[in-house]
């Protein structure tokens, strides 16, 4: 996780689409860690294993199609597909908008 956080700008803006309990915009590393990653990862046995399926880049924008596999602390599989639109500044992630199967999130973690 430290390696991933090192790739983020201190003033990152991370937006998860939809109306799930994890949806919203998180500004700054601390808000991202406390308000998104902490609540999400506390419900997972061992975080999310992610795999990059495809990357497309133009200028300072990168679009990543990824898949993630995880299991909740209750033993429920959480395997989602993601599309992240990433803005890069000085070699770090400045902004991320993440698209995913929000119905799956609601079914695994409960609706907001």
N, C-alpha and C. Protein backbone atom coordinates (compact mmCIF):
# COMPACT_ATOMS: atom_id res chain seq x y z
N UNK A 1 0.81 -1.19 0.00
CA UNK A 1 0.00 0.00 0.00
C UNK A 1 0.87 1.27 0.00
N UNK A 2 2.01 1.22 0.69
CA UNK A 2 2.90 2.39 0.71
C UNK A 2 3.40 2.73 -0.69
N UNK A 3 3.69 1.69 -1.49
CA UNK A 3 4.14 1.91 -2.86
C UNK A 3 3.08 2.59 -3.69
N UNK A 4 1.83 2.18 -3.50
CA UNK A 4 0.72 2.80 -4.23
C UNK A 4 0.53 4.25 -3.80
N UNK A 5 0.59 4.49 -2.50
CA UNK A 5 0.39 5.85 -2.00
C UNK A 5 1.48 6.79 -2.46
N UNK A 6 2.68 6.27 -2.68
CA UNK A 6 3.78 7.10 -3.16
C UNK A 6 3.52 7.63 -4.57
N UNK A 7 2.63 6.96 -5.32
CA UNK A 7 2.30 7.40 -6.68
C UNK A 7 1.25 8.52 -6.70
N UNK A 8 0.66 8.82 -5.55
CA UNK A 8 -0.41 9.82 -5.48
C UNK A 8 0.12 11.19 -5.10
N UNK A 9 -0.35 12.23 -5.78
CA UNK A 9 -0.04 13.60 -5.38
C UNK A 9 -0.68 13.85 -4.02
N UNK A 10 -0.05 14.68 -3.21
CA UNK A 10 -0.60 14.98 -1.89
C UNK A 10 -2.01 15.55 -1.97
N UNK A 11 -2.28 16.31 -3.04
CA UNK A 11 -3.59 16.96 -3.20
C UNK A 11 -4.48 16.21 -4.19
N UNK A 12 -4.32 14.89 -4.27
CA UNK A 12 -5.11 14.08 -5.20
C UNK A 12 -6.61 14.30 -4.99
N UNK A 13 -7.34 14.24 -6.08
CA UNK A 13 -8.81 14.23 -6.04
C UNK A 13 -9.25 12.90 -6.63
N UNK A 14 -9.89 12.07 -5.81
CA UNK A 14 -10.32 10.74 -6.22
C UNK A 14 -11.84 10.70 -6.18
N UNK A 15 -12.47 10.37 -7.30
CA UNK A 15 -13.93 10.31 -7.38
C UNK A 15 -14.37 8.91 -7.76
N UNK A 16 -15.21 8.32 -6.92
CA UNK A 16 -15.87 7.05 -7.24
C UNK A 16 -17.29 7.39 -7.67
N UNK A 17 -17.69 6.92 -8.84
CA UNK A 17 -19.01 7.25 -9.39
C UNK A 17 -20.10 6.51 -8.62
N UNK A 18 -21.34 6.92 -8.86
CA UNK A 18 -22.49 6.21 -8.33
C UNK A 18 -22.98 6.74 -7.00
N UNK A 19 -23.80 5.91 -6.35
CA UNK A 19 -24.40 6.31 -5.08
C UNK A 19 -24.21 5.22 -4.02
N UNK A 20 -23.09 4.48 -4.12
CA UNK A 20 -22.78 3.45 -3.13
C UNK A 20 -22.24 4.10 -1.86
N UNK A 21 -22.04 3.28 -0.86
CA UNK A 21 -21.45 3.81 0.37
C UNK A 21 -20.00 4.25 0.17
N UNK A 22 -19.38 3.85 -0.94
CA UNK A 22 -18.00 4.26 -1.23
C UNK A 22 -17.92 5.32 -2.33
N UNK A 23 -19.07 5.78 -2.83
CA UNK A 23 -19.09 6.81 -3.88
C UNK A 23 -18.82 8.18 -3.27
N UNK A 24 -18.30 9.06 -4.11
CA UNK A 24 -18.04 10.43 -3.67
C UNK A 24 -16.68 10.88 -4.14
N UNK A 25 -16.33 12.09 -3.76
CA UNK A 25 -15.04 12.68 -4.10
C UNK A 25 -14.24 12.87 -2.83
N UNK A 26 -13.01 12.39 -2.87
CA UNK A 26 -12.10 12.45 -1.73
C UNK A 26 -10.91 13.30 -2.14
N UNK A 27 -10.63 14.35 -1.39
CA UNK A 27 -9.57 15.29 -1.75
C UNK A 27 -8.43 15.17 -0.74
N UNK A 28 -7.26 14.82 -1.25
CA UNK A 28 -6.07 14.65 -0.42
C UNK A 28 -5.87 13.21 0.01
N UNK A 29 -4.61 12.86 0.24
CA UNK A 29 -4.27 11.50 0.63
C UNK A 29 -4.94 11.08 1.94
N UNK A 30 -4.97 11.98 2.90
CA UNK A 30 -5.54 11.64 4.21
C UNK A 30 -7.03 11.34 4.09
N UNK A 31 -7.76 12.17 3.37
CA UNK A 31 -9.20 11.95 3.20
C UNK A 31 -9.45 10.65 2.43
N UNK A 32 -8.63 10.36 1.44
CA UNK A 32 -8.76 9.13 0.68
C UNK A 32 -8.55 7.92 1.59
N UNK A 33 -7.50 7.97 2.40
CA UNK A 33 -7.19 6.86 3.30
C UNK A 33 -8.27 6.68 4.37
N UNK A 34 -8.69 7.77 4.98
CA UNK A 34 -9.62 7.69 6.11
C UNK A 34 -11.06 7.44 5.69
N UNK A 35 -11.48 8.02 4.57
CA UNK A 35 -12.89 7.99 4.21
C UNK A 35 -13.26 6.99 3.13
N UNK A 36 -12.27 6.48 2.38
CA UNK A 36 -12.56 5.47 1.36
C UNK A 36 -11.82 4.17 1.67
N UNK A 37 -10.50 4.23 1.67
CA UNK A 37 -9.72 3.00 1.79
C UNK A 37 -9.90 2.32 3.15
N UNK A 38 -9.89 3.10 4.22
CA UNK A 38 -10.07 2.52 5.55
C UNK A 38 -11.40 1.78 5.68
N UNK A 39 -12.52 2.45 5.39
CA UNK A 39 -13.82 1.76 5.49
C UNK A 39 -13.95 0.57 4.54
N UNK A 40 -13.42 0.68 3.32
CA UNK A 40 -13.50 -0.43 2.37
C UNK A 40 -12.63 -1.59 2.82
N UNK A 41 -11.36 -1.33 3.08
CA UNK A 41 -10.43 -2.41 3.40
C UNK A 41 -10.74 -3.06 4.74
N UNK A 42 -11.41 -2.35 5.64
CA UNK A 42 -11.78 -2.97 6.92
C UNK A 42 -12.81 -4.08 6.74
N UNK A 43 -13.45 -4.11 5.57
CA UNK A 43 -14.45 -5.13 5.29
C UNK A 43 -13.90 -6.25 4.40
N UNK A 44 -12.59 -6.19 4.09
CA UNK A 44 -11.96 -7.19 3.23
C UNK A 44 -10.90 -7.96 4.01
N UNK A 45 -10.77 -9.25 3.69
CA UNK A 45 -9.78 -10.09 4.37
C UNK A 45 -8.36 -9.65 4.09
N UNK A 46 -8.06 -9.35 2.82
CA UNK A 46 -6.67 -9.07 2.46
C UNK A 46 -6.58 -8.02 1.35
N UNK A 47 -7.39 -6.97 1.41
CA UNK A 47 -7.34 -5.94 0.39
C UNK A 47 -7.88 -6.44 -0.94
N UNK A 48 -7.55 -5.74 -1.99
CA UNK A 48 -7.98 -6.09 -3.34
C UNK A 48 -6.75 -6.37 -4.19
N UNK A 49 -6.75 -7.53 -4.83
CA UNK A 49 -5.69 -7.85 -5.78
C UNK A 49 -6.13 -7.32 -7.14
N UNK A 50 -5.35 -6.40 -7.70
CA UNK A 50 -5.72 -5.74 -8.95
C UNK A 50 -4.83 -6.19 -10.09
N UNK A 51 -5.43 -6.26 -11.26
CA UNK A 51 -4.69 -6.58 -12.47
C UNK A 51 -5.04 -5.57 -13.55
N UNK A 52 -4.03 -5.04 -14.21
CA UNK A 52 -4.25 -4.13 -15.33
C UNK A 52 -4.57 -4.96 -16.56
N UNK A 53 -5.70 -4.65 -17.17
CA UNK A 53 -6.12 -5.34 -18.39
C UNK A 53 -5.68 -4.56 -19.63
N UNK A 54 -5.77 -3.22 -19.55
CA UNK A 54 -5.40 -2.38 -20.69
C UNK A 54 -5.13 -0.97 -20.21
N UNK A 55 -4.15 -0.32 -20.83
CA UNK A 55 -3.83 1.09 -20.58
C UNK A 55 -3.86 1.85 -21.89
N UNK A 56 -4.43 3.04 -21.84
CA UNK A 56 -4.43 3.95 -22.98
C UNK A 56 -4.04 5.32 -22.45
N UNK A 57 -3.13 5.99 -23.14
CA UNK A 57 -2.67 7.29 -22.66
C UNK A 57 -2.62 8.30 -23.79
N UNK A 58 -2.93 9.54 -23.43
CA UNK A 58 -2.79 10.66 -24.35
C UNK A 58 -2.50 11.90 -23.50
N UNK A 59 -1.35 12.49 -23.74
CA UNK A 59 -0.97 13.65 -22.94
C UNK A 59 -0.82 13.25 -21.48
N UNK A 60 -1.48 13.99 -20.60
CA UNK A 60 -1.38 13.70 -19.17
C UNK A 60 -2.55 12.86 -18.65
N UNK A 61 -3.32 12.26 -19.56
CA UNK A 61 -4.47 11.43 -19.19
C UNK A 61 -4.17 9.96 -19.52
N UNK A 62 -4.41 9.10 -18.55
CA UNK A 62 -4.28 7.66 -18.73
C UNK A 62 -5.61 7.03 -18.38
N UNK A 63 -6.07 6.10 -19.21
CA UNK A 63 -7.27 5.33 -18.92
C UNK A 63 -6.83 3.90 -18.67
N UNK A 64 -7.16 3.40 -17.49
CA UNK A 64 -6.78 2.04 -17.10
C UNK A 64 -8.02 1.18 -16.95
N UNK A 65 -8.04 0.07 -17.65
CA UNK A 65 -9.09 -0.93 -17.45
C UNK A 65 -8.46 -2.00 -16.57
N UNK A 66 -9.06 -2.23 -15.40
CA UNK A 66 -8.49 -3.16 -14.43
C UNK A 66 -9.56 -4.11 -13.91
N UNK A 67 -9.10 -5.19 -13.32
CA UNK A 67 -10.00 -6.09 -12.62
C UNK A 67 -9.46 -6.27 -11.21
N UNK A 68 -10.36 -6.50 -10.29
CA UNK A 68 -9.96 -6.69 -8.90
C UNK A 68 -10.66 -7.88 -8.29
N UNK A 69 -9.90 -8.61 -7.47
CA UNK A 69 -10.48 -9.74 -6.76
C UNK A 69 -10.22 -9.57 -5.27
N UNK A 70 -11.24 -9.91 -4.50
CA UNK A 70 -11.14 -9.78 -3.05
C UNK A 70 -12.18 -10.67 -2.40
N UNK A 71 -12.09 -10.78 -1.09
CA UNK A 71 -13.06 -11.52 -0.31
C UNK A 71 -13.35 -10.71 0.95
N UNK A 72 -14.63 -10.59 1.29
CA UNK A 72 -14.99 -9.84 2.50
C UNK A 72 -14.63 -10.65 3.73
N UNK A 73 -14.62 -9.99 4.86
CA UNK A 73 -14.34 -10.67 6.12
C UNK A 73 -15.39 -11.73 6.42
N UNK A 74 -16.56 -11.64 5.77
CA UNK A 74 -17.62 -12.65 5.92
C UNK A 74 -17.51 -13.77 4.90
N UNK A 75 -16.48 -13.74 4.05
CA UNK A 75 -16.26 -14.79 3.07
C UNK A 75 -16.98 -14.62 1.75
N UNK A 76 -17.53 -13.42 1.50
CA UNK A 76 -18.25 -13.16 0.25
C UNK A 76 -17.24 -12.66 -0.80
N UNK A 77 -17.23 -13.26 -2.00
CA UNK A 77 -16.32 -12.78 -3.03
C UNK A 77 -16.72 -11.38 -3.51
N UNK A 78 -15.72 -10.56 -3.74
CA UNK A 78 -15.93 -9.23 -4.35
C UNK A 78 -14.96 -9.13 -5.51
N UNK A 79 -15.44 -9.39 -6.70
CA UNK A 79 -14.62 -9.36 -7.91
C UNK A 79 -15.26 -8.37 -8.88
N UNK A 80 -14.62 -7.23 -9.05
CA UNK A 80 -15.21 -6.15 -9.85
C UNK A 80 -14.29 -5.79 -11.01
N UNK A 81 -14.86 -5.12 -11.98
CA UNK A 81 -14.14 -4.58 -13.14
C UNK A 81 -14.17 -3.06 -13.00
N UNK A 82 -13.05 -2.42 -13.30
CA UNK A 82 -12.93 -0.97 -13.11
C UNK A 82 -12.42 -0.29 -14.38
N UNK A 83 -12.75 0.96 -14.49
CA UNK A 83 -12.14 1.85 -15.47
C UNK A 83 -11.77 3.12 -14.72
N UNK A 84 -10.47 3.41 -14.68
CA UNK A 84 -10.00 4.62 -14.01
C UNK A 84 -9.48 5.60 -15.05
N UNK A 85 -9.97 6.83 -14.96
CA UNK A 85 -9.47 7.91 -15.80
C UNK A 85 -8.56 8.73 -14.89
N UNK A 86 -7.27 8.73 -15.22
CA UNK A 86 -6.24 9.27 -14.33
C UNK A 86 -5.56 10.46 -14.99
N UNK A 87 -5.44 11.55 -14.23
CA UNK A 87 -4.66 12.70 -14.67
C UNK A 87 -3.32 12.65 -13.93
N UNK A 88 -2.23 12.74 -14.69
CA UNK A 88 -0.87 12.65 -14.15
C UNK A 88 -0.25 14.05 -14.13
N UNK A 89 0.41 14.36 -13.03
CA UNK A 89 1.17 15.62 -12.93
C UNK A 89 2.49 15.31 -12.23
N UNK A 90 3.58 15.69 -12.84
CA UNK A 90 4.91 15.46 -12.27
C UNK A 90 5.11 14.00 -11.86
N UNK A 91 4.60 13.08 -12.67
CA UNK A 91 4.80 11.66 -12.42
C UNK A 91 3.90 11.05 -11.35
N UNK A 92 2.94 11.83 -10.85
CA UNK A 92 2.04 11.33 -9.81
C UNK A 92 0.58 11.48 -10.23
N UNK A 93 -0.27 10.68 -9.63
CA UNK A 93 -1.71 10.76 -9.90
C UNK A 93 -2.26 12.02 -9.25
N UNK A 94 -2.77 12.93 -10.07
CA UNK A 94 -3.36 14.17 -9.56
C UNK A 94 -4.87 14.00 -9.36
N UNK A 95 -5.52 13.30 -10.28
CA UNK A 95 -6.97 13.09 -10.20
C UNK A 95 -7.31 11.72 -10.77
N UNK A 96 -8.28 11.07 -10.14
CA UNK A 96 -8.76 9.77 -10.61
C UNK A 96 -10.28 9.79 -10.55
N UNK A 97 -10.91 9.39 -11.64
CA UNK A 97 -12.35 9.11 -11.63
C UNK A 97 -12.48 7.63 -11.92
N UNK A 98 -13.13 6.91 -10.99
CA UNK A 98 -13.21 5.46 -11.08
C UNK A 98 -14.65 5.02 -11.35
N UNK A 99 -14.78 4.21 -12.40
CA UNK A 99 -16.07 3.65 -12.79
C UNK A 99 -16.02 2.15 -12.50
N UNK A 100 -17.13 1.61 -11.98
CA UNK A 100 -17.18 0.19 -11.66
C UNK A 100 -18.63 -0.26 -11.59
N UNK A 101 -18.85 -1.56 -11.34
CA UNK A 101 -20.19 -2.12 -11.19
C UNK A 101 -20.71 -1.73 -9.80
N UNK A 102 -21.49 -0.67 -9.75
CA UNK A 102 -21.99 -0.18 -8.46
C UNK A 102 -23.06 -1.10 -7.87
N UNK A 103 -23.81 -1.81 -8.72
CA UNK A 103 -24.81 -2.76 -8.21
C UNK A 103 -24.11 -3.89 -7.45
N UNK A 104 -22.93 -4.30 -7.94
CA UNK A 104 -22.17 -5.32 -7.25
C UNK A 104 -21.72 -4.83 -5.88
N UNK A 105 -21.26 -3.60 -5.81
CA UNK A 105 -20.84 -3.03 -4.53
C UNK A 105 -22.00 -3.05 -3.54
N UNK A 106 -23.18 -2.60 -3.99
CA UNK A 106 -24.35 -2.59 -3.11
C UNK A 106 -24.73 -4.01 -2.67
N UNK A 107 -24.62 -4.99 -3.56
CA UNK A 107 -25.00 -6.35 -3.20
C UNK A 107 -24.01 -6.99 -2.24
N UNK A 108 -22.74 -6.65 -2.35
CA UNK A 108 -21.72 -7.24 -1.47
C UNK A 108 -21.60 -6.49 -0.15
N UNK A 109 -21.62 -5.15 -0.19
CA UNK A 109 -21.35 -4.35 1.01
C UNK A 109 -22.60 -3.70 1.60
N UNK A 110 -23.72 -3.78 0.90
CA UNK A 110 -24.94 -3.13 1.36
C UNK A 110 -25.08 -1.76 0.73
N UNK A 111 -26.32 -1.38 0.50
CA UNK A 111 -26.60 -0.06 -0.11
C UNK A 111 -26.31 1.05 0.91
N UNK A 112 -26.08 2.22 0.39
CA UNK A 112 -25.80 3.40 1.22
C UNK A 112 -26.97 3.72 2.10
